[in-house]
Amino acid sequence: MTSIYQALSELEKNNQSAALCTVTKSEGSTPRHVGSKMLVYPDGTFIGTVGGGDLEHRVLGEAWVALGDGKPRYLHYNMADPSRGDPGVCGGQVEVFVEPILPAATIVVIGAGHVGKAVVHLAKWLGFRVVVSDDRPEFCAPDTTPGADEYYPVEMGKLGEQLKITQRTYLVVTSRGSSVDVVGLPSLLESDAAYIGIIGSKRRWATTVKGLKEKGVKDDLIAKVHSPLGLELEAETPEEIAVSIMAEIMMLRNKATGKSMRG
């Protein structure tokens, strides 16, 4: 049977999520001692135990909520009187710390041109997991676009078939032009991505919107897109544009305002 520590190692290796529940306090008669652990996966499975019964059922529920909001929590339970809502009759008290273990947020750079390469470099430096995709295999490779964790030399519209896109995925589209975007975007707009940003001028985006509507893409999906992407920094070079893009992504991820710290 896989130990919790082995499972934690696998989580990091495979960039997956789970919630680690640890008994941090145990007084009186309780089901489990301090240090007892349970690892809860998003699909409802778990390994280990913090006591079984109603206590464990409640901790499981809190663990799944923690995986959704990303926030740790301390849980306190009296184990004396079920008639007043206690999860047991042992007579003791238990505290459980629930810690969501979330994978690094993923930046997916679609289009490995000059700006795309700069975004890959900066995003990796900032601690993101980085994925590169381009329908030109010669651009989508470690020797031409170094620094990424994974490479997908496929058409934009087929990327979702090979890469799991979650609410911790940020899509940065630095493709060759509107014609590529119109063909490839519809399937990505249906995904759970936290952010979809597309490079280019307002005129290019207007052309893309027209093409998407002609393909029957709904307005609410089109509205998910940030284009032109990035914060207004008067950026010109690929490196400066990458800073603008990553600044916007960090602002949204951290629920910040983007205002000057000077106030």
Protein backbone atom coordinates (compact mmCIF):
# COMPACT_ATOMS: atom_id res chain seq x y z
CA MET A 1 0.00 0.00 0.00
CA THR A 2 1.35 3.42 -0.97
CA SER A 3 2.40 5.52 2.00
CA ILE A 4 1.24 9.11 2.30
CA TYR A 5 4.81 10.33 1.87
CA GLN A 6 5.20 8.34 -1.33
CA ALA A 7 1.88 9.74 -2.53
CA LEU A 8 3.01 13.29 -1.79
CA SER A 9 6.13 12.70 -3.87
CA GLU A 10 3.97 11.44 -6.74
CA LEU A 11 1.77 14.54 -6.50
CA GLU A 12 4.74 16.81 -7.05
CA LYS A 13 6.16 14.62 -9.78
CA ASN A 14 2.88 14.54 -11.73
CA ASN A 15 1.79 18.12 -11.00
CA GLN A 16 -1.41 16.98 -9.28
CA SER A 17 -3.45 18.24 -6.33
CA ALA A 18 -4.72 16.78 -3.05
CA ALA A 19 -5.48 17.90 0.50
CA LEU A 20 -3.33 16.73 3.41
CA CYS A 21 -5.29 16.39 6.66
CA THR A 22 -3.25 16.08 9.86
CA VAL A 23 -4.40 15.61 13.46
CA THR A 24 -2.63 18.44 15.30
CA LYS A 25 -4.28 18.11 18.70
CA SER A 26 -5.85 15.18 20.53
CA GLU A 27 -7.08 15.44 24.13
CA GLY A 28 -8.91 12.82 26.11
CA SER A 29 -10.36 9.79 24.38
CA THR A 30 -10.10 10.23 20.60
CA PRO A 31 -9.91 7.88 17.60
CA ARG A 32 -6.43 8.87 16.41
CA HIS A 33 -3.25 10.35 17.87
CA VAL A 34 -1.47 13.60 16.95
CA GLY A 35 0.31 13.28 13.62
CA SER A 36 -2.23 10.92 12.05
CA LYS A 37 -2.69 11.84 8.40
CA MET A 38 -5.12 11.43 5.53
CA LEU A 39 -4.50 12.48 1.93
CA VAL A 40 -7.65 13.37 0.00
CA TYR A 41 -7.79 13.49 -3.80
CA PRO A 42 -10.16 15.61 -5.93
CA ASP A 43 -11.93 12.49 -7.25
CA GLY A 44 -13.08 11.52 -3.76
CA THR A 45 -10.52 8.82 -3.03
CA PHE A 46 -8.16 9.05 -0.07
CA ILE A 47 -5.42 7.20 1.76
CA GLY A 48 -4.75 7.17 5.48
CA THR A 49 -7.24 8.07 8.20
CA VAL A 50 -7.91 10.69 10.87
CA GLY A 51 -10.33 8.55 12.83
CA GLY A 52 -13.10 7.11 10.68
CA GLY A 53 -16.84 7.55 11.20
CA ASP A 54 -18.60 10.91 11.19
CA LEU A 55 -15.40 12.74 12.16
CA GLU A 56 -13.62 11.54 9.05
CA HIS A 57 -16.68 12.21 6.89
CA ARG A 58 -16.67 15.84 8.01
CA VAL A 59 -12.94 16.23 7.44
CA LEU A 60 -13.31 14.78 3.94
CA GLY A 61 -15.96 17.38 3.17
CA GLU A 62 -13.72 20.20 4.37
CA ALA A 63 -10.81 18.79 2.36
CA TRP A 64 -12.79 18.94 -0.88
CA VAL A 65 -13.84 22.51 -0.14
CA ALA A 66 -10.19 23.39 0.53
CA LEU A 67 -9.21 21.97 -2.85
CA GLY A 68 -11.77 24.27 -4.42
CA ASP A 69 -10.83 27.52 -2.68
CA GLY A 70 -7.14 26.76 -2.16
CA LYS A 71 -7.24 27.83 1.50
CA PRO A 72 -5.96 25.83 4.48
CA ARG A 73 -8.12 25.50 7.58
CA TYR A 74 -8.04 24.36 11.19
CA LEU A 75 -10.95 22.16 12.25
CA HIS A 76 -11.96 21.66 15.90
CA TYR A 77 -14.29 18.90 17.05
CA ASN A 78 -15.67 17.88 20.44
CA MET A 79 -16.26 14.14 20.70
CA ALA A 80 -18.90 13.99 23.42
CA ASP A 81 -22.53 14.51 22.44
CA PRO A 82 -23.90 13.67 18.96
CA SER A 83 -27.26 15.18 19.95
CA ARG A 84 -25.64 18.62 19.86
CA GLY A 85 -23.79 17.92 16.63
CA ASP A 86 -20.57 16.33 17.85
CA PRO A 87 -19.06 13.68 15.51
CA GLY A 88 -18.66 11.05 18.25
CA VAL A 89 -19.06 10.04 21.86
CA CYS A 90 -15.43 9.30 22.85
CA GLY A 91 -15.32 12.28 25.18
CA GLY A 92 -12.19 13.98 23.86
CA GLN A 93 -11.31 16.85 21.55
CA VAL A 94 -9.62 16.76 18.15
CA GLU A 95 -8.08 19.40 15.94
CA VAL A 96 -7.25 18.72 12.28
CA PHE A 97 -5.23 20.91 9.95
CA VAL A 98 -6.34 20.68 6.32
CA GLU A 99 -3.72 21.82 3.83
CA PRO A 100 -4.54 21.97 0.11
CA ILE A 101 -1.56 20.91 -1.97
CA LEU A 102 -1.97 22.50 -5.35
CA PRO A 103 0.24 22.11 -8.41
CA ALA A 104 2.14 25.07 -9.75
CA ALA A 105 -0.02 27.25 -11.97
CA THR A 106 0.64 26.51 -15.64
CA ILE A 107 1.43 29.02 -18.37
CA VAL A 108 0.67 27.64 -21.83
CA VAL A 109 2.39 29.63 -24.55
CA ILE A 110 0.72 29.00 -27.89
CA GLY A 111 2.99 30.29 -30.62
CA ALA A 112 6.74 30.10 -30.11
CA GLY A 113 7.82 33.28 -31.84
CA HIS A 114 9.96 36.04 -30.31
CA VAL A 115 7.38 37.11 -27.72
CA GLY A 116 6.43 33.52 -26.95
CA LYS A 117 10.05 32.64 -26.21
CA ALA A 118 10.37 35.64 -23.90
CA VAL A 119 7.18 34.64 -22.03
CA VAL A 120 8.50 31.10 -21.58
CA HIS A 121 11.72 32.39 -20.04
CA LEU A 122 10.03 34.86 -17.70
CA ALA A 123 7.19 32.56 -16.64
CA LYS A 124 9.66 29.81 -15.73
CA TRP A 125 11.76 32.27 -13.74
CA LEU A 126 8.62 33.32 -11.86
CA GLY A 127 7.96 29.74 -10.79
CA PHE A 128 5.20 28.72 -13.18
CA ARG A 129 5.02 25.35 -14.88
CA VAL A 130 5.46 26.21 -18.56
CA VAL A 131 4.07 24.48 -21.62
CA VAL A 132 4.83 25.42 -25.23
CA SER A 133 2.60 24.62 -28.19
CA ASP A 134 3.10 25.46 -31.84
CA ASP A 135 1.91 23.73 -35.01
CA ARG A 136 5.43 24.15 -36.38
CA PRO A 137 7.50 21.35 -34.82
CA GLU A 138 10.77 23.14 -35.55
CA PHE A 139 9.69 25.96 -33.19
CA CYS A 140 8.16 23.70 -30.55
CA ALA A 141 11.29 22.01 -29.25
CA PRO A 142 13.82 22.51 -26.42
CA ASP A 143 16.63 23.53 -28.75
CA THR A 144 14.64 26.37 -30.36
CA THR A 145 12.43 27.36 -27.40
CA PRO A 146 14.34 26.34 -24.27
CA GLY A 147 13.07 26.32 -20.72
CA ALA A 148 9.61 24.77 -20.94
CA ASP A 149 8.46 21.71 -19.00
CA GLU A 150 6.46 20.23 -21.88
CA TYR A 151 6.13 20.68 -25.63
CA TYR A 152 3.06 20.04 -27.80
CA PRO A 153 3.74 20.46 -31.54
CA VAL A 154 0.05 20.40 -32.51
CA GLU A 155 -2.53 22.72 -34.02
CA MET A 156 -4.10 25.09 -31.52
CA GLY A 157 -7.53 23.53 -31.89
CA LYS A 158 -6.20 20.10 -30.93
CA LEU A 159 -4.22 21.18 -27.87
CA GLY A 160 -7.08 20.48 -25.47
CA GLU A 161 -7.14 16.85 -26.60
CA GLN A 162 -3.60 16.32 -25.34
CA LEU A 163 -3.21 18.78 -22.46
CA LYS A 164 -5.53 18.96 -19.45
CA ILE A 165 -6.60 22.59 -19.08
CA THR A 166 -7.76 23.47 -15.56
CA GLN A 167 -8.66 26.52 -13.50
CA ARG A 168 -4.94 26.86 -12.77
CA THR A 169 -4.04 27.10 -16.46
CA TYR A 170 -3.24 30.43 -18.12
CA LEU A 171 -3.29 30.45 -21.91
CA VAL A 172 -1.03 32.99 -23.65
CA VAL A 173 -1.72 33.04 -27.38
CA THR A 174 1.18 34.59 -29.27
CA SER A 175 0.30 33.08 -32.62
CA ARG A 176 1.07 34.24 -36.16
CA GLY A 177 -2.21 35.97 -36.85
CA SER A 178 -5.98 36.20 -36.71
CA SER A 179 -6.53 33.42 -39.25
CA VAL A 180 -4.77 30.96 -36.94
CA ASP A 181 -6.72 32.18 -33.91
CA VAL A 182 -10.14 31.91 -35.55
CA VAL A 183 -9.54 28.27 -36.37
CA GLY A 184 -7.90 27.28 -33.09
CA LEU A 185 -9.65 29.30 -30.40
CA PRO A 186 -13.19 27.83 -30.24
CA SER A 187 -12.19 24.65 -28.40
CA LEU A 188 -9.97 26.59 -25.97
CA LEU A 189 -12.78 29.01 -25.16
CA GLU A 190 -14.82 26.02 -23.95
CA SER A 191 -12.09 25.03 -21.50
CA ASP A 192 -11.76 25.82 -17.78
CA ALA A 193 -8.70 28.03 -18.29
CA ALA A 194 -8.27 30.78 -15.69
CA TYR A 195 -7.06 33.19 -18.36
CA ILE A 196 -7.00 33.39 -22.13
CA GLY A 197 -4.92 36.22 -23.53
CA ILE A 198 -4.26 36.92 -27.20
CA ILE A 199 -1.48 39.10 -28.55
CA GLY A 200 -2.09 41.72 -31.21
CA SER A 201 -3.68 45.07 -31.89
CA LYS A 202 -7.30 45.99 -31.26
CA ARG A 203 -7.83 45.78 -35.01
CA ARG A 204 -6.51 42.22 -35.10
CA TRP A 205 -8.78 41.25 -32.23
CA ALA A 206 -11.78 42.83 -33.96
CA THR A 207 -11.00 40.72 -37.03
CA THR A 208 -10.74 37.62 -34.86
CA VAL A 209 -14.03 38.35 -33.13
CA LYS A 210 -15.76 38.71 -36.50
CA GLY A 211 -14.36 35.37 -37.61
CA LEU A 212 -15.35 33.64 -34.37
CA LYS A 213 -18.92 34.92 -34.59
CA GLU A 214 -19.15 33.71 -38.17
CA LYS A 215 -18.21 30.26 -36.84
CA GLY A 216 -21.05 30.48 -34.31
CA VAL A 217 -18.98 31.10 -31.17
CA LYS A 218 -21.16 32.68 -28.49
CA ASP A 219 -20.53 36.17 -27.11
CA ASP A 220 -20.07 34.98 -23.53
CA LEU A 221 -17.20 32.75 -24.61
CA ILE A 222 -15.57 35.49 -26.67
CA ALA A 223 -15.84 37.78 -23.63
CA LYS A 224 -13.47 35.49 -21.71
CA VAL A 225 -10.56 36.67 -23.85
CA HIS A 226 -8.09 39.38 -22.84
CA SER A 227 -6.98 41.07 -26.04
CA PRO A 228 -4.79 42.95 -26.49
CA LEU A 229 -3.29 41.06 -23.56
CA GLY A 230 -1.07 42.49 -20.84
CA LEU A 231 -0.89 45.73 -18.86
CA GLU A 232 -0.23 49.08 -20.50
CA LEU A 233 3.53 49.59 -20.09
CA GLU A 234 4.35 51.08 -23.51
CA ALA A 235 6.25 47.83 -24.04
CA GLU A 236 8.09 47.37 -27.34
CA THR A 237 10.68 44.58 -27.17
CA PRO A 238 9.66 40.92 -26.76
CA GLU A 239 11.08 40.97 -23.24
CA GLU A 240 9.13 44.10 -22.30
CA ILE A 241 5.94 42.63 -23.76
CA ALA A 242 6.52 39.45 -21.73
CA VAL A 243 6.71 41.54 -18.56
CA SER A 244 3.42 43.22 -19.48
CA ILE A 245 1.74 39.84 -20.08
CA MET A 246 3.01 38.19 -16.90
CA ALA A 247 2.14 41.28 -14.86
CA GLU A 248 -1.49 41.00 -15.95
CA ILE A 249 -1.58 37.26 -15.20
CA MET A 250 -0.10 37.77 -11.73
CA MET A 251 -2.50 40.62 -11.05
CA LEU A 252 -5.49 38.43 -11.88
CA ARG A 253 -4.14 35.35 -10.09
CA ASN A 254 -3.45 37.32 -6.91
CA LYS A 255 -6.66 39.37 -7.16
CA ALA A 256 -4.57 42.55 -7.11
CA THR A 257 -5.43 45.97 -8.52
CA GLY A 258 -2.39 46.68 -10.67
CA LYS A 259 -2.25 50.20 -9.23
CA SER A 260 0.96 51.95 -8.29
CA MET A 261 2.25 50.99 -4.83
CA ARG A 262 2.82 54.70 -4.24
CA GLY A 263 -0.93 55.19 -3.91
